[in-house]
Structures are given as structure tokens and as C-alpha cells.
């Protein structure tokens, strides 16, 4: 889009060179003199810098031809101690299973231990069913050991808002209910 400048930065706010190995946060800035603000922005959230760059919260990279590729949301980066895992990478593998329609991966606290574990919520295709154990085995065969979710929950639908966005915040909050834990 000719009205935007785009750059990719790492966690130290350094601009990354083009290439699929250089995934970072996508920043955009308008080339035309127009002011943009967020409606009802929380004061502690920083979306703009002093130079007018907008922090999108999206991860991506720019290839050598200048094309922008989406690689997930920055909030989907999960520090597993050994590695930083992108939930998007786990979801891509899970979604390749022939019975999985879509999935959402996030961290949940393990009660009374202070530790966290990965959980995956899965919306299955209508024409099939699979057990928790079978899906776990599939993930274990196709992911590094530290990427395999400890908890699996089957849900009839994951997209439940007007933007057709999977609201992982709501899914994380559901974890606090005993009913959710029984289904997981």
C-alpha cells in the first residue's frame, strides 16, 4: 500500500533485514499527513512511538522482493524456558490434522505450582471425531517435545465475535472454571 511505510523490528527495537529468518513485530507509519489514534486507548498501552510508527502487535517478515508475510501475533509468543515458541507454529501443525478445522494455543497456569503449561482448544470438522489421546499422539509426532500442549479441549466453535477472531483472552479466562478443566 503506497500510503504506508512498513518495517520489522526485534525485541531490542532494531530494524530487521529482509528474509524469512528475520521475524519480528510489524510497524507501520502513514506517508501522508494524517493523525491516527486508538479509540478508548488504555493509558498504559503504547501503540505509537515519537516518530509516528504504529506498533501493530503482529509478527511478520519482509522478503527480498519487499512483500510482507504474516507470522502470527506478538502476544502468541510463549517463553517455554528452553525456547520461545510461537503459538501460530503449533496451530499450523494441529490444523493440518485431517479432522481439525482450527485451533488456538496459549499458556495456562497449573494450580498451586506456579508453573504454566500449553493448552490447545480445537474445533473439529463436522465429519469426524478424534480422542484427546489420538490428537496428543499426532502432536507429539509432529512437534518438538517442548511445543506439545499438555492440555487439549475440544470446542464446538472458536470464533465467536463479530470480527471472526479467536479470543484467546476469553479462552484463558475459561480455564479458571471447574467445568472447563473437566472437558480438558
C-alpha atoms as a PDB file:
ATOM      1  CA  UNK A   1       0.000   0.000   0.000  1.00  0.00           C
ATOM      2  CA  UNK A   2       1.533   3.232  -1.142  1.00  0.00           C
ATOM      3  CA  UNK A   3       0.325   5.301   1.809  1.00  0.00           C
ATOM      4  CA  UNK A   4       2.209   3.230   4.436  1.00  0.00           C
ATOM      5  CA  UNK A   5       5.819   2.610   5.325  1.00  0.00           C
ATOM      6  CA  UNK A   6       6.483  -0.790   6.887  1.00  0.00           C
ATOM      7  CA  UNK A   7       9.369  -2.073   8.962  1.00  0.00           C
ATOM      8  CA  UNK A   8      10.045  -5.162  11.070  1.00  0.00           C
ATOM      9  CA  UNK A   9      11.801  -4.829  14.435  1.00  0.00           C
ATOM     10  CA  UNK A  10      13.155  -7.261  17.013  1.00  0.00           C
ATOM     11  CA  UNK A  11      12.658  -7.086  20.795  1.00  0.00           C
ATOM     12  CA  UNK A  12      15.563  -4.625  21.094  1.00  0.00           C
ATOM     13  CA  UNK A  13      13.721  -2.365  18.600  1.00  0.00           C
ATOM     14  CA  UNK A  14      16.386  -2.904  15.922  1.00  0.00           C
ATOM     15  CA  UNK A  15      15.199  -2.970  12.298  1.00  0.00           C
ATOM     16  CA  UNK A  16      15.499  -6.447  10.794  1.00  0.00           C
ATOM     17  CA  UNK A  17      16.815  -7.136   7.323  1.00  0.00           C
ATOM     18  CA  UNK A  18      14.510  -8.795   4.752  1.00  0.00           C
ATOM     19  CA  UNK A  19      14.328 -12.580   4.926  1.00  0.00           C
ATOM     20  CA  UNK A  20      12.108 -15.335   6.291  1.00  0.00           C
ATOM     21  CA  UNK A  21      14.546 -15.929   9.180  1.00  0.00           C
ATOM     22  CA  UNK A  22      14.032 -12.369  10.415  1.00  0.00           C
ATOM     23  CA  UNK A  23      10.592 -12.472  12.005  1.00  0.00           C
ATOM     24  CA  UNK A  24       9.726  -9.542  14.243  1.00  0.00           C
ATOM     25  CA  UNK A  25       6.973  -7.077  15.103  1.00  0.00           C
ATOM     26  CA  UNK A  26       5.380  -5.273  12.170  1.00  0.00           C
ATOM     27  CA  UNK A  27       5.397  -1.483  12.462  1.00  0.00           C
ATOM     28  CA  UNK A  28       3.591   0.815  10.048  1.00  0.00           C
ATOM     29  CA  UNK A  29       3.603   4.568   9.522  1.00  0.00           C
ATOM     30  CA  UNK A  30       1.469   6.719   7.273  1.00  0.00           C
ATOM     31  CA  UNK A  31       3.298   8.554   4.493  1.00  0.00           C
ATOM     32  CA  UNK A  32       0.552  11.177   4.275  1.00  0.00           C
ATOM     33  CA  UNK A  33      -0.064  13.830   6.940  1.00  0.00           C
ATOM     34  CA  UNK A  34      -2.970  12.286   8.802  1.00  0.00           C
ATOM     35  CA  UNK A  35      -3.352  11.748  12.520  1.00  0.00           C
ATOM     36  CA  UNK A  36      -4.368   8.305  13.780  1.00  0.00           C
ATOM     37  CA  UNK A  37      -5.430   7.465  17.332  1.00  0.00           C
ATOM     38  CA  UNK A  38      -6.965   4.461  19.044  1.00  0.00           C
ATOM     39  CA  UNK A  39     -10.500   4.827  20.335  1.00  0.00           C
ATOM     40  CA  UNK A  40     -10.613   4.426  24.147  1.00  0.00           C
ATOM     41  CA  UNK A  41      -6.922   3.532  24.343  1.00  0.00           C
ATOM     42  CA  UNK A  42      -5.714   2.466  27.761  1.00  0.00           C
ATOM     43  CA  UNK A  43      -3.058   4.831  29.110  1.00  0.00           C
ATOM     44  CA  UNK A  44      -0.572   2.061  29.872  1.00  0.00           C
ATOM     45  CA  UNK A  45      -0.664   0.705  26.329  1.00  0.00           C
ATOM     46  CA  UNK A  46       1.878   2.122  23.904  1.00  0.00           C
ATOM     47  CA  UNK A  47       0.815   1.856  20.292  1.00  0.00           C
ATOM     48  CA  UNK A  48       2.703   4.797  18.769  1.00  0.00           C
ATOM     49  CA  UNK A  49       6.284   5.992  19.094  1.00  0.00           C
ATOM     50  CA  UNK A  50       7.620   9.530  18.829  1.00  0.00           C
ATOM     51  CA  UNK A  51       8.278   9.145  15.083  1.00  0.00           C
ATOM     52  CA  UNK A  52       4.694   8.087  14.296  1.00  0.00           C
ATOM     53  CA  UNK A  53       5.324   4.351  13.953  1.00  0.00           C
ATOM     54  CA  UNK A  54       2.330   2.212  14.910  1.00  0.00           C
ATOM     55  CA  UNK A  55       3.105  -0.990  16.813  1.00  0.00           C
ATOM     56  CA  UNK A  56       0.616  -3.459  15.326  1.00  0.00           C
ATOM     57  CA  UNK A  57       1.274  -6.408  17.646  1.00  0.00           C
ATOM     58  CA  UNK A  58       1.562  -8.572  14.524  1.00  0.00           C
ATOM     59  CA  UNK A  59       4.607 -10.671  13.727  1.00  0.00           C
ATOM     60  CA  UNK A  60       5.946 -10.965  10.222  1.00  0.00           C
ATOM     61  CA  UNK A  61       8.846 -10.621   7.868  1.00  0.00           C
ATOM     62  CA  UNK A  62       9.566  -8.857   4.601  1.00  0.00           C
ATOM     63  CA  UNK A  63      11.033 -10.939   1.800  1.00  0.00           C
ATOM     64  CA  UNK A  64      13.779  -9.808  -0.576  1.00  0.00           C
ATOM     65  CA  UNK A  65      11.161  -8.522  -3.065  1.00  0.00           C
ATOM     66  CA  UNK A  66       9.522  -6.352  -0.410  1.00  0.00           C
ATOM     67  CA  UNK A  67       6.430  -8.491   0.237  1.00  0.00           C
ATOM     68  CA  UNK A  68       5.122  -8.613   3.799  1.00  0.00           C
ATOM     69  CA  UNK A  69       4.334 -12.040   5.327  1.00  0.00           C
ATOM     70  CA  UNK A  70       2.188 -12.543   8.419  1.00  0.00           C
ATOM     71  CA  UNK A  71       3.577 -14.871  11.123  1.00  0.00           C
ATOM     72  CA  UNK A  72       1.101 -14.500  13.998  1.00  0.00           C
ATOM     73  CA  UNK A  73       0.536 -12.137  16.919  1.00  0.00           C
ATOM     74  CA  UNK A  74       3.283 -10.979  19.283  1.00  0.00           C
ATOM     75  CA  UNK A  75       1.049 -11.979  22.204  1.00  0.00           C
ATOM     76  CA  UNK A  76       1.278 -15.533  20.845  1.00  0.00           C
ATOM     77  CA  UNK A  77       4.973 -15.777  21.680  1.00  0.00           C
ATOM     78  CA  UNK A  78       5.306 -18.144  24.622  1.00  0.00           C
ATOM     79  CA  UNK A  79       8.510 -18.415  26.645  1.00  0.00           C
ATOM     80  CA  UNK A  80       8.917 -22.115  27.466  1.00  0.00           C
ATOM     81  CA  UNK A  81      12.225 -21.627  29.280  1.00  0.00           C
ATOM     82  CA  UNK A  82      14.064 -23.674  26.668  1.00  0.00           C
ATOM     83  CA  UNK A  83      12.774 -21.802  23.641  1.00  0.00           C
ATOM     84  CA  UNK A  84      10.382 -19.037  22.746  1.00  0.00           C
ATOM     85  CA  UNK A  85       7.507 -20.751  20.952  1.00  0.00           C
ATOM     86  CA  UNK A  86       5.110 -19.100  18.551  1.00  0.00           C
ATOM     87  CA  UNK A  87       1.601 -20.466  19.169  1.00  0.00           C
ATOM     88  CA  UNK A  88       0.953 -19.931  15.460  1.00  0.00           C
ATOM     89  CA  UNK A  89       3.551 -22.634  14.632  1.00  0.00           C
ATOM     90  CA  UNK A  90       1.796 -25.182  16.867  1.00  0.00           C
ATOM     91  CA  UNK A  91      -1.610 -24.218  15.454  1.00  0.00           C
ATOM     92  CA  UNK A  92      -0.354 -24.699  11.871  1.00  0.00           C
ATOM     93  CA  UNK A  93       0.670 -28.281  12.662  1.00  0.00           C
ATOM     94  CA  UNK A  94      -2.546 -29.047  14.571  1.00  0.00           C
ATOM     95  CA  UNK A  95      -4.658 -27.609  11.741  1.00  0.00           C
ATOM     96  CA  UNK A  96      -3.002 -29.999   9.269  1.00  0.00           C
ATOM     97  CA  UNK A  97      -4.666 -32.941  11.005  1.00  0.00           C
ATOM     98  CA  UNK A  98      -7.464 -34.123   8.672  1.00  0.00           C
ATOM     99  CA  UNK A  99     -10.123 -33.872  11.427  1.00  0.00           C
ATOM    100  CA  UNK A 100      -9.119 -30.459  12.826  1.00  0.00           C
ATOM    101  CA  UNK A 101     -10.916 -27.383  11.494  1.00  0.00           C
ATOM    102  CA  UNK A 102      -8.924 -24.846  13.531  1.00  0.00           C
ATOM    103  CA  UNK A 103      -7.151 -24.468  16.843  1.00  0.00           C
ATOM    104  CA  UNK A 104      -5.907 -21.958  19.406  1.00  0.00           C
ATOM    105  CA  UNK A 105      -2.816 -22.425  21.603  1.00  0.00           C
ATOM    106  CA  UNK A 106      -1.988 -20.476  24.767  1.00  0.00           C
ATOM    107  CA  UNK A 107      -0.487 -20.878  28.233  1.00  0.00           C
ATOM    108  CA  UNK A 108      -2.479 -21.677  31.363  1.00  0.00           C
ATOM    109  CA  UNK A 109      -1.351 -21.784  34.991  1.00  0.00           C
ATOM    110  CA  UNK A 110      -1.005 -25.134  36.729  1.00  0.00           C
ATOM    111  CA  UNK A 111      -2.815 -24.850  40.039  1.00  0.00           C
ATOM    112  CA  UNK A 112      -0.622 -24.414  43.142  1.00  0.00           C
ATOM    113  CA  UNK A 113       2.666 -24.995  41.297  1.00  0.00           C
ATOM    114  CA  UNK A 114       3.414 -21.526  39.948  1.00  0.00           C
ATOM    115  CA  UNK A 115       4.240 -23.146  36.597  1.00  0.00           C
ATOM    116  CA  UNK A 116       2.467 -22.832  33.273  1.00  0.00           C
ATOM    117  CA  UNK A 117       1.611 -25.336  30.566  1.00  0.00           C
ATOM    118  CA  UNK A 118       0.424 -25.153  26.994  1.00  0.00           C
ATOM    119  CA  UNK A 119      -3.237 -25.727  26.227  1.00  0.00           C
ATOM    120  CA  UNK A 120      -4.824 -26.186  22.830  1.00  0.00           C
ATOM    121  CA  UNK A 121      -8.511 -25.663  22.077  1.00  0.00           C
ATOM    122  CA  UNK A 122      -9.638 -27.480  18.952  1.00  0.00           C
ATOM    123  CA  UNK A 123     -12.687 -27.063  16.741  1.00  0.00           C
ATOM    124  CA  UNK A 124     -13.135 -30.344  14.867  1.00  0.00           C
ATOM    125  CA  UNK A 125     -14.513 -30.713  11.375  1.00  0.00           C
ATOM    126  CA  UNK A 126     -18.138 -31.823  11.361  1.00  0.00           C
ATOM    127  CA  UNK A 127     -17.479 -35.115   9.576  1.00  0.00           C
ATOM    128  CA  UNK A 128     -15.279 -36.751  12.160  1.00  0.00           C
ATOM    129  CA  UNK A 129     -14.226 -37.225  15.730  1.00  0.00           C
ATOM    130  CA  UNK A 130     -10.943 -37.910  17.466  1.00  0.00           C
ATOM    131  CA  UNK A 131      -9.919 -38.703  21.025  1.00  0.00           C
ATOM    132  CA  UNK A 132      -7.739 -36.490  23.190  1.00  0.00           C
ATOM    133  CA  UNK A 133      -5.115 -39.243  23.204  1.00  0.00           C
ATOM    134  CA  UNK A 134      -5.053 -39.587  19.403  1.00  0.00           C
ATOM    135  CA  UNK A 135      -4.642 -35.845  18.902  1.00  0.00           C
ATOM    136  CA  UNK A 136      -1.942 -35.726  21.590  1.00  0.00           C
ATOM    137  CA  UNK A 137      -0.041 -38.530  19.819  1.00  0.00           C
ATOM    138  CA  UNK A 138      -0.327 -36.702  16.478  1.00  0.00           C
ATOM    139  CA  UNK A 139       1.057 -33.500  18.031  1.00  0.00           C
ATOM    140  CA  UNK A 140       3.827 -35.405  19.804  1.00  0.00           C
ATOM    141  CA  UNK A 141       4.891 -36.984  16.496  1.00  0.00           C
ATOM    142  CA  UNK A 142       4.931 -33.664  14.624  1.00  0.00           C
ATOM    143  CA  UNK A 143       6.229 -31.112  17.154  1.00  0.00           C
ATOM    144  CA  UNK A 144       9.310 -30.654  19.299  1.00  0.00           C
ATOM    145  CA  UNK A 145       8.676 -32.002  22.801  1.00  0.00           C
ATOM    146  CA  UNK A 146       8.553 -28.532  24.397  1.00  0.00           C
ATOM    147  CA  UNK A 147       5.868 -27.444  21.910  1.00  0.00           C
ATOM    148  CA  UNK A 148       3.375 -30.252  22.629  1.00  0.00           C
ATOM    149  CA  UNK A 149       0.370 -28.932  24.588  1.00  0.00           C
ATOM    150  CA  UNK A 150      -0.240 -30.637  27.927  1.00  0.00           C
ATOM    151  CA  UNK A 151      -3.968 -29.846  27.859  1.00  0.00           C
ATOM    152  CA  UNK A 152      -6.430 -30.423  24.997  1.00  0.00           C
ATOM    153  CA  UNK A 153     -10.029 -29.226  24.877  1.00  0.00           C
ATOM    154  CA  UNK A 154     -12.478 -29.835  22.053  1.00  0.00           C
ATOM    155  CA  UNK A 155     -14.847 -26.932  21.452  1.00  0.00           C
ATOM    156  CA  UNK A 156     -17.765 -26.719  19.012  1.00  0.00           C
ATOM    157  CA  UNK A 157     -16.652 -23.274  17.832  1.00  0.00           C
ATOM    158  CA  UNK A 158     -13.681 -20.984  18.448  1.00  0.00           C
ATOM    159  CA  UNK A 159     -14.638 -17.856  16.523  1.00  0.00           C
ATOM    160  CA  UNK A 160     -17.349 -16.135  18.487  1.00  0.00           C
ATOM    161  CA  UNK A 161     -17.159 -12.416  17.917  1.00  0.00           C
ATOM    162  CA  UNK A 162     -18.141 -10.038  15.134  1.00  0.00           C
ATOM    163  CA  UNK A 163     -14.582  -9.825  13.785  1.00  0.00           C
ATOM    164  CA  UNK A 164     -14.377 -13.626  13.461  1.00  0.00           C
ATOM    165  CA  UNK A 165     -11.311 -13.501  15.704  1.00  0.00           C
ATOM    166  CA  UNK A 166     -10.386 -16.265  18.135  1.00  0.00           C
ATOM    167  CA  UNK A 167     -10.424 -14.521  21.501  1.00  0.00           C
ATOM    168  CA  UNK A 168      -7.644 -16.251  23.409  1.00  0.00           C
ATOM    169  CA  UNK A 169      -8.170 -13.954  26.394  1.00  0.00           C
ATOM    170  CA  UNK A 170     -11.632 -15.472  26.908  1.00  0.00           C
ATOM    171  CA  UNK A 171     -10.278 -18.992  26.416  1.00  0.00           C
ATOM    172  CA  UNK A 172      -7.613 -18.346  29.076  1.00  0.00           C
ATOM    173  CA  UNK A 173     -10.236 -16.996  31.499  1.00  0.00           C
ATOM    174  CA  UNK A 174     -12.402 -20.100  30.971  1.00  0.00           C
ATOM    175  CA  UNK A 175      -9.528 -22.170  32.377  1.00  0.00           C
ATOM    176  CA  UNK A 176     -10.450 -20.917  35.860  1.00  0.00           C
ATOM    177  CA  UNK A 177     -13.764 -22.781  35.791  1.00  0.00           C
ATOM    178  CA  UNK A 178     -14.018 -26.365  37.010  1.00  0.00           C
ATOM    179  CA  UNK A 179     -16.283 -27.213  34.063  1.00  0.00           C
ATOM    180  CA  UNK A 180     -13.533 -26.259  31.606  1.00  0.00           C
ATOM    181  CA  UNK A 181     -10.990 -28.435  33.394  1.00  0.00           C
ATOM    182  CA  UNK A 182     -13.397 -31.420  33.279  1.00  0.00           C
ATOM    183  CA  UNK A 183     -13.704 -31.081  29.472  1.00  0.00           C
ATOM    184  CA  UNK A 184      -9.936 -30.773  29.034  1.00  0.00           C
END
